[in-house]
Amino acid sequence: MRLSEDKVRRIAERLHDELEQQGLLRYKERLGAKHGEGRAARVKHLYDYIVTDLQQEAEIDAEVEQVLATYSRDIKGTERDILFRKHKEEIARKRGYIL
């Protein structure tokens, strides 16, 4: 995974807090819940979603690397970048993954 767990956690926390501050999402705390308990659960849910998404993209990247490895010649530089992007878009589309 490209991002550390700590960075993903901070992204999830910031996303949660920004959405709440902008009034795009409103949350009610469960009766009897400790202060911040609901926030922690919501941030954990966002964290899990982000990690799953990053893992799916990593799987796509690995599949693209396998495709590029089948080429009969070495592909380098800009050509490799272009082919990588095109294969990645194709594989992602087939899987229903939005880049």
PDB file of N, CA and C in Angstrom:
ATOM      1  N   MET A   1       0.845  -1.168   0.000  1.00  0.00           N
ATOM      2  CA  MET A   1       0.000   0.000   0.000  1.00  0.00           C
ATOM      3  C   MET A   1       0.896   1.239   0.000  1.00  0.00           C
ATOM      4  N   ARG A   2       0.505   2.223  -0.757  1.00  0.00           N
ATOM      5  CA  ARG A   2       1.311   3.429  -0.914  1.00  0.00           C
ATOM      6  C   ARG A   2       1.335   4.313   0.327  1.00  0.00           C
ATOM      7  N   LEU A   3       0.281   4.312   1.106  1.00  0.00           N
ATOM      8  CA  LEU A   3       0.180   5.172   2.279  1.00  0.00           C
ATOM      9  C   LEU A   3       0.322   4.336   3.540  1.00  0.00           C
ATOM     10  N   SER A   4       0.935   4.940   4.549  1.00  0.00           N
ATOM     11  CA  SER A   4       1.051   4.239   5.825  1.00  0.00           C
ATOM     12  C   SER A   4      -0.309   4.211   6.517  1.00  0.00           C
ATOM     13  N   GLU A   5      -0.463   3.296   7.461  1.00  0.00           N
ATOM     14  CA  GLU A   5      -1.715   3.198   8.205  1.00  0.00           C
ATOM     15  C   GLU A   5      -2.015   4.503   8.929  1.00  0.00           C
ATOM     16  N   ASP A   6      -0.979   5.133   9.447  1.00  0.00           N
ATOM     17  CA  ASP A   6      -1.158   6.397  10.165  1.00  0.00           C
ATOM     18  C   ASP A   6      -1.687   7.487   9.237  1.00  0.00           C
ATOM     19  N   LYS A   7      -1.155   7.559   8.028  1.00  0.00           N
ATOM     20  CA  LYS A   7      -1.626   8.570   7.078  1.00  0.00           C
ATOM     21  C   LYS A   7      -3.073   8.305   6.672  1.00  0.00           C
ATOM     22  N   VAL A   8      -3.417   7.061   6.463  1.00  0.00           N
ATOM     23  CA  VAL A   8      -4.797   6.724   6.100  1.00  0.00           C
ATOM     24  C   VAL A   8      -5.730   7.085   7.251  1.00  0.00           C
ATOM     25  N   ARG A   9      -5.313   6.812   8.479  1.00  0.00           N
ATOM     26  CA  ARG A   9      -6.129   7.156   9.641  1.00  0.00           C
ATOM     27  C   ARG A   9      -6.345   8.663   9.719  1.00  0.00           C
ATOM     28  N   ARG A  10      -5.260   9.438   9.486  1.00  0.00           N
ATOM     29  CA  ARG A  10      -5.392  10.902   9.520  1.00  0.00           C
ATOM     30  C   ARG A  10      -6.300  11.404   8.400  1.00  0.00           C
ATOM     31  N   ILE A  11      -6.237  10.785   7.224  1.00  0.00           N
ATOM     32  CA  ILE A  11      -7.128  11.165   6.120  1.00  0.00           C
ATOM     33  C   ILE A  11      -8.579  10.888   6.509  1.00  0.00           C
ATOM     34  N   ALA A  12      -8.831   9.731   7.095  1.00  0.00           N
ATOM     35  CA  ALA A  12     -10.196   9.367   7.510  1.00  0.00           C
ATOM     36  C   ALA A  12     -10.712  10.348   8.564  1.00  0.00           C
ATOM     37  N   GLU A  13      -9.863  10.701   9.522  1.00  0.00           N
ATOM     38  CA  GLU A  13     -10.271  11.650  10.563  1.00  0.00           C
ATOM     39  C   GLU A  13     -10.581  13.017   9.956  1.00  0.00           C
ATOM     40  N   ARG A  14      -9.721  13.471   9.083  1.00  0.00           N
ATOM     41  CA  ARG A  14      -9.917  14.789   8.474  1.00  0.00           C
ATOM     42  C   ARG A  14     -11.167  14.801   7.593  1.00  0.00           C
ATOM     43  N   LEU A  15     -11.361  13.750   6.821  1.00  0.00           N
ATOM     44  CA  LEU A  15     -12.546  13.649   5.975  1.00  0.00           C
ATOM     45  C   LEU A  15     -13.808  13.716   6.831  1.00  0.00           C
ATOM     46  N   HIS A  16     -13.834  12.944   7.891  1.00  0.00           N
ATOM     47  CA  HIS A  16     -14.975  12.937   8.800  1.00  0.00           C
ATOM     48  C   HIS A  16     -15.228  14.335   9.353  1.00  0.00           C
ATOM     49  N   ASP A  17     -14.192  14.952   9.881  1.00  0.00           N
ATOM     50  CA  ASP A  17     -14.348  16.257  10.526  1.00  0.00           C
ATOM     51  C   ASP A  17     -14.738  17.350   9.536  1.00  0.00           C
ATOM     52  N   GLU A  18     -14.159  17.322   8.342  1.00  0.00           N
ATOM     53  CA  GLU A  18     -14.494  18.331   7.324  1.00  0.00           C
ATOM     54  C   GLU A  18     -15.944  18.203   6.880  1.00  0.00           C
ATOM     55  N   LEU A  19     -16.391  16.987   6.626  1.00  0.00           N
ATOM     56  CA  LEU A  19     -17.781  16.782   6.213  1.00  0.00           C
ATOM     57  C   LEU A  19     -18.742  17.251   7.300  1.00  0.00           C
ATOM     58  N   GLU A  20     -18.400  16.980   8.531  1.00  0.00           N
ATOM     59  CA  GLU A  20     -19.256  17.387   9.645  1.00  0.00           C
ATOM     60  C   GLU A  20     -19.241  18.909   9.816  1.00  0.00           C
ATOM     61  N   GLN A  21     -18.071  19.528   9.728  1.00  0.00           N
ATOM     62  CA  GLN A  21     -17.963  20.983   9.891  1.00  0.00           C
ATOM     63  C   GLN A  21     -18.678  21.735   8.778  1.00  0.00           C
ATOM     64  N   GLN A  22     -18.656  21.202   7.583  1.00  0.00           N
ATOM     65  CA  GLN A  22     -19.310  21.859   6.456  1.00  0.00           C
ATOM     66  C   GLN A  22     -20.819  21.605   6.434  1.00  0.00           C
ATOM     67  N   GLY A  23     -21.283  20.834   7.376  1.00  0.00           N
ATOM     68  CA  GLY A  23     -22.709  20.563   7.467  1.00  0.00           C
ATOM     69  C   GLY A  23     -23.221  19.580   6.431  1.00  0.00           C
ATOM     70  N   LEU A  24     -22.298  18.876   5.784  1.00  0.00           N
ATOM     71  CA  LEU A  24     -22.707  17.897   4.776  1.00  0.00           C
ATOM     72  C   LEU A  24     -23.200  16.604   5.417  1.00  0.00           C
ATOM     73  N   LEU A  25     -22.751  16.352   6.622  1.00  0.00           N
ATOM     74  CA  LEU A  25     -23.205  15.180   7.380  1.00  0.00           C
ATOM     75  C   LEU A  25     -23.486  15.607   8.813  1.00  0.00           C
ATOM     76  N   ARG A  26     -24.528  15.052   9.365  1.00  0.00           N
ATOM     77  CA  ARG A  26     -24.856  15.315  10.769  1.00  0.00           C
ATOM     78  C   ARG A  26     -24.995  13.967  11.465  1.00  0.00           C
ATOM     79  N   TYR A  27     -24.462  13.909  12.651  1.00  0.00           N
ATOM     80  CA  TYR A  27     -24.480  12.659  13.400  1.00  0.00           C
ATOM     81  C   TYR A  27     -25.133  12.883  14.754  1.00  0.00           C
ATOM     82  N   LYS A  28     -25.869  11.895  15.187  1.00  0.00           N
ATOM     83  CA  LYS A  28     -26.423  11.906  16.530  1.00  0.00           C
ATOM     84  C   LYS A  28     -25.693  10.828  17.317  1.00  0.00           C
ATOM     85  N   GLU A  29     -25.251  11.209  18.495  1.00  0.00           N
ATOM     86  CA  GLU A  29     -24.588  10.226  19.351  1.00  0.00           C
ATOM     87  C   GLU A  29     -25.638   9.284  19.934  1.00  0.00           C
ATOM     88  N   ARG A  30     -25.260   8.048  20.043  1.00  0.00           N
ATOM     89  CA  ARG A  30     -26.131   7.024  20.630  1.00  0.00           C
ATOM     90  C   ARG A  30     -26.328   7.338  22.114  1.00  0.00           C
ATOM     91  N   LEU A  31     -27.526   7.118  22.630  1.00  0.00           N
ATOM     92  CA  LEU A  31     -27.792   7.359  24.047  1.00  0.00           C
ATOM     93  C   LEU A  31     -26.878   6.497  24.902  1.00  0.00           C
ATOM     94  N   GLY A  32     -26.267   7.100  25.878  1.00  0.00           N
ATOM     95  CA  GLY A  32     -25.392   6.376  26.785  1.00  0.00           C
ATOM     96  C   GLY A  32     -23.984   6.154  26.263  1.00  0.00           C
ATOM     97  N   ALA A  33     -23.694   6.656  25.079  1.00  0.00           N
ATOM     98  CA  ALA A  33     -22.353   6.470  24.504  1.00  0.00           C
ATOM     99  C   ALA A  33     -21.375   7.448  25.147  1.00  0.00           C
ATOM    100  N   LYS A  34     -20.146   7.027  25.265  1.00  0.00           N
ATOM    101  CA  LYS A  34     -19.092   7.900  25.778  1.00  0.00           C
ATOM    102  C   LYS A  34     -18.791   8.970  24.744  1.00  0.00           C
ATOM    103  N   HIS A  35     -18.319  10.105  25.207  1.00  0.00           N
ATOM    104  CA  HIS A  35     -17.990  11.211  24.304  1.00  0.00           C
ATOM    105  C   HIS A  35     -16.926  10.746  23.293  1.00  0.00           C
ATOM    106  N   GLY A  36     -17.202  10.914  22.001  1.00  0.00           N
ATOM    107  CA  GLY A  36     -16.253  10.561  20.954  1.00  0.00           C
ATOM    108  C   GLY A  36     -16.326   9.127  20.479  1.00  0.00           C
ATOM    109  N   GLU A  37     -17.129   8.307  21.159  1.00  0.00           N
ATOM    110  CA  GLU A  37     -17.229   6.890  20.784  1.00  0.00           C
ATOM    111  C   GLU A  37     -17.818   6.726  19.381  1.00  0.00           C
ATOM    112  N   GLY A  38     -18.858   7.487  19.081  1.00  0.00           N
ATOM    113  CA  GLY A  38     -19.482   7.410  17.763  1.00  0.00           C
ATOM    114  C   GLY A  38     -18.541   7.900  16.680  1.00  0.00           C
ATOM    115  N   ARG A  39     -17.803   8.983  16.964  1.00  0.00           N
ATOM    116  CA  ARG A  39     -16.835   9.517  16.003  1.00  0.00           C
ATOM    117  C   ARG A  39     -15.780   8.472  15.698  1.00  0.00           C
ATOM    118  N   ALA A  40     -15.289   7.809  16.723  1.00  0.00           N
ATOM    119  CA  ALA A  40     -14.250   6.790  16.527  1.00  0.00           C
ATOM    120  C   ALA A  40     -14.747   5.666  15.623  1.00  0.00           C
ATOM    121  N   ALA A  41     -15.984   5.258  15.812  1.00  0.00           N
ATOM    122  CA  ALA A  41     -16.546   4.181  14.988  1.00  0.00           C
ATOM    123  C   ALA A  41     -16.709   4.647  13.541  1.00  0.00           C
ATOM    124  N   ARG A  42     -17.150   5.906  13.360  1.00  0.00           N
ATOM    125  CA  ARG A  42     -17.322   6.421  12.005  1.00  0.00           C
ATOM    126  C   ARG A  42     -15.977   6.583  11.303  1.00  0.00           C
ATOM    127  N   VAL A  43     -14.969   7.070  12.036  1.00  0.00           N
ATOM    128  CA  VAL A  43     -13.631   7.213  11.453  1.00  0.00           C
ATOM    129  C   VAL A  43     -13.077   5.841  11.092  1.00  0.00           C
ATOM    130  N   LYS A  44     -13.306   4.844  11.935  1.00  0.00           N
ATOM    131  CA  LYS A  44     -12.847   3.471  11.653  1.00  0.00           C
ATOM    132  C   LYS A  44     -13.501   2.946  10.383  1.00  0.00           C
ATOM    133  N   HIS A  45     -14.777   3.240  10.214  1.00  0.00           N
ATOM    134  CA  HIS A  45     -15.483   2.803   9.003  1.00  0.00           C
ATOM    135  C   HIS A  45     -14.872   3.462   7.769  1.00  0.00           C
ATOM    136  N   LEU A  46     -14.606   4.756   7.828  1.00  0.00           N
ATOM    137  CA  LEU A  46     -13.960   5.458   6.714  1.00  0.00           C
ATOM    138  C   LEU A  46     -12.571   4.885   6.455  1.00  0.00           C
ATOM    139  N   TYR A  47     -11.823   4.633   7.516  1.00  0.00           N
ATOM    140  CA  TYR A  47     -10.473   4.054   7.407  1.00  0.00           C
ATOM    141  C   TYR A  47     -10.527   2.717   6.664  1.00  0.00           C
ATOM    142  N   ASP A  48     -11.442   1.846   7.087  1.00  0.00           N
ATOM    143  CA  ASP A  48     -11.571   0.527   6.452  1.00  0.00           C
ATOM    144  C   ASP A  48     -11.925   0.664   4.973  1.00  0.00           C
ATOM    145  N   TYR A  49     -12.797   1.605   4.654  1.00  0.00           N
ATOM    146  CA  TYR A  49     -13.205   1.816   3.269  1.00  0.00           C
ATOM    147  C   TYR A  49     -12.015   2.282   2.425  1.00  0.00           C
ATOM    148  N   ILE A  50     -11.234   3.215   2.956  1.00  0.00           N
ATOM    149  CA  ILE A  50     -10.072   3.732   2.229  1.00  0.00           C
ATOM    150  C   ILE A  50      -9.041   2.626   2.016  1.00  0.00           C
ATOM    151  N   VAL A  51      -8.775   1.844   3.049  1.00  0.00           N
ATOM    152  CA  VAL A  51      -7.796   0.753   2.953  1.00  0.00           C
ATOM    153  C   VAL A  51      -8.239  -0.269   1.902  1.00  0.00           C
ATOM    154  N   THR A  52      -9.512  -0.614   1.901  1.00  0.00           N
ATOM    155  CA  THR A  52     -10.037  -1.562   0.910  1.00  0.00           C
ATOM    156  C   THR A  52      -9.858  -1.016  -0.495  1.00  0.00           C
ATOM    157  N   ASP A  53     -10.156   0.268  -0.680  1.00  0.00           N
ATOM    158  CA  ASP A  53     -10.007   0.898  -1.984  1.00  0.00           C
ATOM    159  C   ASP A  53      -8.540   0.895  -2.428  1.00  0.00           C
ATOM    160  N   LEU A  54      -7.638   1.211  -1.525  1.00  0.00           N
ATOM    161  CA  LEU A  54      -6.212   1.209  -1.861  1.00  0.00           C
ATOM    162  C   LEU A  54      -5.725  -0.192  -2.208  1.00  0.00           C
ATOM    163  N   GLN A  55      -6.247  -1.195  -1.525  1.00  0.00           N
ATOM    164  CA  GLN A  55      -5.871  -2.574  -1.823  1.00  0.00           C
ATOM    165  C   GLN A  55      -6.370  -2.994  -3.204  1.00  0.00           C
ATOM    166  N   GLN A  56      -7.578  -2.576  -3.554  1.00  0.00           N
ATOM    167  CA  GLN A  56      -8.106  -2.890  -4.886  1.00  0.00           C
ATOM    168  C   GLN A  56      -7.243  -2.244  -5.963  1.00  0.00           C
ATOM    169  N   GLU A  57      -6.848  -1.001  -5.739  1.00  0.00           N
ATOM    170  CA  GLU A  57      -6.006  -0.333  -6.726  1.00  0.00           C
ATOM    171  C   GLU A  57      -4.632  -1.003  -6.818  1.00  0.00           C
ATOM    172  N   ALA A  58      -4.086  -1.444  -5.693  1.00  0.00           N
ATOM    173  CA  ALA A  58      -2.800  -2.145  -5.705  1.00  0.00           C
ATOM    174  C   ALA A  58      -2.904  -3.457  -6.488  1.00  0.00           C
ATOM    175  N   GLU A  59      -4.038  -4.151  -6.363  1.00  0.00           N
ATOM    176  CA  GLU A  59      -4.249  -5.380  -7.124  1.00  0.00           C
ATOM    177  C   GLU A  59      -4.295  -5.086  -8.622  1.00  0.00           C
ATOM    178  N   ILE A  60      -4.946  -3.997  -8.987  1.00  0.00           N
ATOM    179  CA  ILE A  60      -5.001  -3.601 -10.392  1.00  0.00           C
ATOM    180  C   ILE A  60      -3.603  -3.273 -10.898  1.00  0.00           C
ATOM    181  N   ASP A  61      -2.837  -2.528 -10.096  1.00  0.00           N
ATOM    182  CA  ASP A  61      -1.466  -2.190 -10.480  1.00  0.00           C
ATOM    183  C   ASP A  61      -0.623  -3.448 -10.688  1.00  0.00           C
ATOM    184  N   ALA A  62      -0.791  -4.436  -9.799  1.00  0.00           N
ATOM    185  CA  ALA A  62      -0.042  -5.689  -9.932  1.00  0.00           C
ATOM    186  C   ALA A  62      -0.430  -6.422 -11.214  1.00  0.00           C
ATOM    187  N   GLU A  63      -1.712  -6.404 -11.547  1.00  0.00           N
ATOM    188  CA  GLU A  63      -2.163  -7.051 -12.780  1.00  0.00           C
ATOM    189  C   GLU A  63      -1.595  -6.336 -14.005  1.00  0.00           C
ATOM    190  N   VAL A  64      -1.538  -5.009 -13.945  1.00  0.00           N
ATOM    191  CA  VAL A  64      -0.963  -4.237 -15.053  1.00  0.00           C
ATOM    192  C   VAL A  64       0.516  -4.586 -15.201  1.00  0.00           C
ATOM    193  N   GLU A  65       1.225  -4.712 -14.102  1.00  0.00           N
ATOM    194  CA  GLU A  65       2.649  -5.084 -14.152  1.00  0.00           C
ATOM    195  C   GLU A  65       2.823  -6.439 -14.818  1.00  0.00           C
ATOM    196  N   GLN A  66       1.910  -7.376 -14.538  1.00  0.00           N
ATOM    197  CA  GLN A  66       1.975  -8.694 -15.172  1.00  0.00           C
ATOM    198  C   GLN A  66       1.761  -8.574 -16.674  1.00  0.00           C
ATOM    199  N   VAL A  67       0.829  -7.733 -17.072  1.00  0.00           N
ATOM    200  CA  VAL A  67       0.566  -7.534 -18.501  1.00  0.00           C
ATOM    201  C   VAL A  67       1.802  -6.943 -19.173  1.00  0.00           C
ATOM    202  N   LEU A  68       2.389  -5.931 -18.561  1.00  0.00           N
ATOM    203  CA  LEU A  68       3.567  -5.288 -19.157  1.00  0.00           C
ATOM    204  C   LEU A  68       4.759  -6.236 -19.214  1.00  0.00           C
ATOM    205  N   ALA A  69       4.814  -7.170 -18.269  1.00  0.00           N
ATOM    206  CA  ALA A  69       5.916  -8.144 -18.256  1.00  0.00           C
ATOM    207  C   ALA A  69       5.822  -9.113 -19.434  1.00  0.00           C
ATOM    208  N   THR A  70       4.652  -9.227 -20.039  1.00  0.00           N
ATOM    209  CA  THR A  70       4.495 -10.145 -21.165  1.00  0.00           C
ATOM    210  C   THR A  70       4.987  -9.554 -22.480  1.00  0.00           C
ATOM    211  N   TYR A  71       5.254  -8.266 -22.498  1.00  0.00           N
ATOM    212  CA  TYR A  71       5.750  -7.638 -23.725  1.00  0.00           C
ATOM    213  C   TYR A  71       7.115  -8.241 -24.080  1.00  0.00           C
ATOM    214  N   SER A  72       7.361  -8.408 -25.359  1.00  0.00           N
ATOM    215  CA  SER A  72       8.583  -9.082 -25.812  1.00  0.00           C
ATOM    216  C   SER A  72       9.829  -8.210 -25.672  1.00  0.00           C
ATOM    217  N   ARG A  73       9.643  -6.924 -25.516  1.00  0.00           N
ATOM    218  CA  ARG A  73      10.813  -6.043 -25.370  1.00  0.00           C
ATOM    219  C   ARG A  73      10.670  -5.207 -24.106  1.00  0.00           C
ATOM    220  N   ASP A  74      11.784  -4.650 -23.682  1.00  0.00           N
ATOM    221  CA  ASP A  74      11.767  -3.772 -22.512  1.00  0.00           C
ATOM    222  C   ASP A  74      11.056  -2.467 -22.853  1.00  0.00           C
ATOM    223  N   ILE A  75      10.162  -2.070 -21.991  1.00  0.00           N
ATOM    224  CA  ILE A  75       9.430  -0.818 -22.185  1.00  0.00           C
ATOM    225  C   ILE A  75       9.892   0.132 -21.085  1.00  0.00           C
ATOM    226  N   LYS A  76      10.309   1.316 -21.487  1.00  0.00           N
ATOM    227  CA  LYS A  76      10.847   2.266 -20.514  1.00  0.00           C
ATOM    228  C   LYS A  76      10.274   3.654 -20.740  1.00  0.00           C
ATOM    229  N   GLY A  77      10.439   4.476 -19.727  1.00  0.00           N
ATOM    230  CA  GLY A  77      10.125   5.892 -19.837  1.00  0.00           C
ATOM    231  C   GLY A  77       8.668   6.196 -20.110  1.00  0.00           C
ATOM    232  N   THR A  78       8.477   7.171 -20.952  1.00  0.00           N
ATOM    233  CA  THR A  78       7.141   7.672 -21.266  1.00  0.00           C
ATOM    234  C   THR A  78       6.256   6.599 -21.881  1.00  0.00           C
ATOM    235  N   GLU A  79       6.834   5.786 -22.737  1.00  0.00           N
ATOM    236  CA  GLU A  79       6.051   4.723 -23.371  1.00  0.00           C
ATOM    237  C   GLU A  79       5.472   3.789 -22.311  1.00  0.00           C
ATOM    238  N   ARG A  80       6.289   3.430 -21.320  1.00  0.00           N
ATOM    239  CA  ARG A  80       5.828   2.548 -20.248  1.00  0.00           C
ATOM    240  C   ARG A  80       4.716   3.219 -19.451  1.00  0.00           C
ATOM    241  N   ASP A  81       4.890   4.496 -19.157  1.00  0.00           N
ATOM    242  CA  ASP A  81       3.870   5.231 -18.402  1.00  0.00           C
ATOM    243  C   ASP A  81       2.537   5.249 -19.144  1.00  0.00           C
ATOM    244  N   ILE A  82       2.599   5.487 -20.445  1.00  0.00           N
ATOM    245  CA  ILE A  82       1.379   5.540 -21.252  1.00  0.00           C
ATOM    246  C   ILE A  82       0.709   4.178 -21.290  1.00  0.00           C
ATOM    247  N   LEU A  83       1.490   3.128 -21.541  1.00  0.00           N
ATOM    248  CA  LEU A  83       0.928   1.777 -21.587  1.00  0.00           C
ATOM    249  C   LEU A  83       0.370   1.365 -20.224  1.00  0.00           C
ATOM    250  N   PHE A  84       1.090   1.715 -19.159  1.00  0.00           N
ATOM    251  CA  PHE A  84       0.627   1.394 -17.803  1.00  0.00           C
ATOM    252  C   PHE A  84      -0.739   2.029 -17.569  1.00  0.00           C
ATOM    253  N   ARG A  85      -0.861   3.316 -17.888  1.00  0.00           N
ATOM    254  CA  ARG A  85      -2.114   4.035 -17.668  1.00  0.00           C
ATOM    255  C   ARG A  85      -3.253   3.429 -18.490  1.00  0.00           C
ATOM    256  N   LYS A  86      -2.977   3.119 -19.750  1.00  0.00           N
ATOM    257  CA  LYS A  86      -4.026   2.560 -20.618  1.00  0.00           C
ATOM    258  C   LYS A  86      -4.486   1.189 -20.123  1.00  0.00           C
ATOM    259  N   HIS A  87      -3.530   0.331 -19.768  1.00  0.00           N
ATOM    260  CA  HIS A  87      -3.897  -0.997 -19.256  1.00  0.00           C
ATOM    261  C   HIS A  87      -4.634  -0.868 -17.921  1.00  0.00           C
ATOM    262  N   LYS A  88      -4.195   0.048 -17.082  1.00  0.00           N
ATOM    263  CA  LYS A  88      -4.838   0.235 -15.786  1.00  0.00           C
ATOM    264  C   LYS A  88      -6.287   0.694 -15.972  1.00  0.00           C
ATOM    265  N   GLU A  89      -6.507   1.638 -16.868  1.00  0.00           N
ATOM    266  CA  GLU A  89      -7.872   2.107 -17.124  1.00  0.00           C
ATOM    267  C   GLU A  89      -8.750   0.968 -17.642  1.00  0.00           C
ATOM    268  N   GLU A  90      -8.198   0.142 -18.528  1.00  0.00           N
ATOM    269  CA  GLU A  90      -8.955  -0.976 -19.089  1.00  0.00           C
ATOM    270  C   GLU A  90      -9.309  -2.012 -18.025  1.00  0.00           C
ATOM    271  N   ILE A  91      -8.324  -2.388 -17.221  1.00  0.00           N
ATOM    272  CA  ILE A  91      -8.562  -3.389 -16.172  1.00  0.00           C
ATOM    273  C   ILE A  91      -9.536  -2.846 -15.134  1.00  0.00           C
ATOM    274  N   ALA A  92      -9.363  -1.585 -14.761  1.00  0.00           N
ATOM    275  CA  ALA A  92     -10.261  -0.979 -13.784  1.00  0.00           C
ATOM    276  C   ALA A  92     -11.696  -0.954 -14.314  1.00  0.00           C
ATOM    277  N   ARG A  93     -11.855  -0.604 -15.565  1.00  0.00           N
ATOM    278  CA  ARG A  93     -13.192  -0.562 -16.180  1.00  0.00           C
ATOM    279  C   ARG A  93     -13.828  -1.946 -16.162  1.00  0.00           C
ATOM    280  N   LYS A  94     -13.048  -2.980 -16.489  1.00  0.00           N
ATOM    281  CA  LYS A  94     -13.570  -4.348 -16.502  1.00  0.00           C
ATOM    282  C   LYS A  94     -14.012  -4.794 -15.103  1.00  0.00           C
ATOM    283  N   ARG A  95     -13.303  -4.312 -14.087  1.00  0.00           N
ATOM    284  CA  ARG A  95     -13.643  -4.675 -12.698  1.00  0.00           C
ATOM    285  C   ARG A  95     -14.719  -3.771 -12.102  1.00  0.00           C
ATOM    286  N   GLY A  96     -15.072  -2.734 -12.810  1.00  0.00           N
ATOM    287  CA  GLY A  96     -16.054  -1.794 -12.290  1.00  0.00           C
ATOM    288  C   GLY A  96     -15.478  -0.862 -11.247  1.00  0.00           C
ATOM    289  N   TYR A  97     -14.163  -0.685 -11.304  1.00  0.00           N
ATOM    290  CA  TYR A  97     -13.459   0.174 -10.349  1.00  0.00           C
ATOM    291  C   TYR A  97     -13.283   1.552 -10.996  1.00  0.00           C
ATOM    292  N   ILE A  98     -13.615   2.590 -10.273  1.00  0.00           N
ATOM    293  CA  ILE A  98     -13.497   3.943 -10.787  1.00  0.00           C
ATOM    294  C   ILE A  98     -12.201   4.555 -10.296  1.00  0.00           C
ATOM    295  N   LEU A  99     -11.367   4.968 -11.246  1.00  0.00           N
ATOM    296  CA  LEU A  99     -10.087   5.591 -10.893  1.00  0.00           C
ATOM    297  C   LEU A  99     -10.277   7.056 -10.548  1.00  0.00           C
TER     298      LEU A  99
END
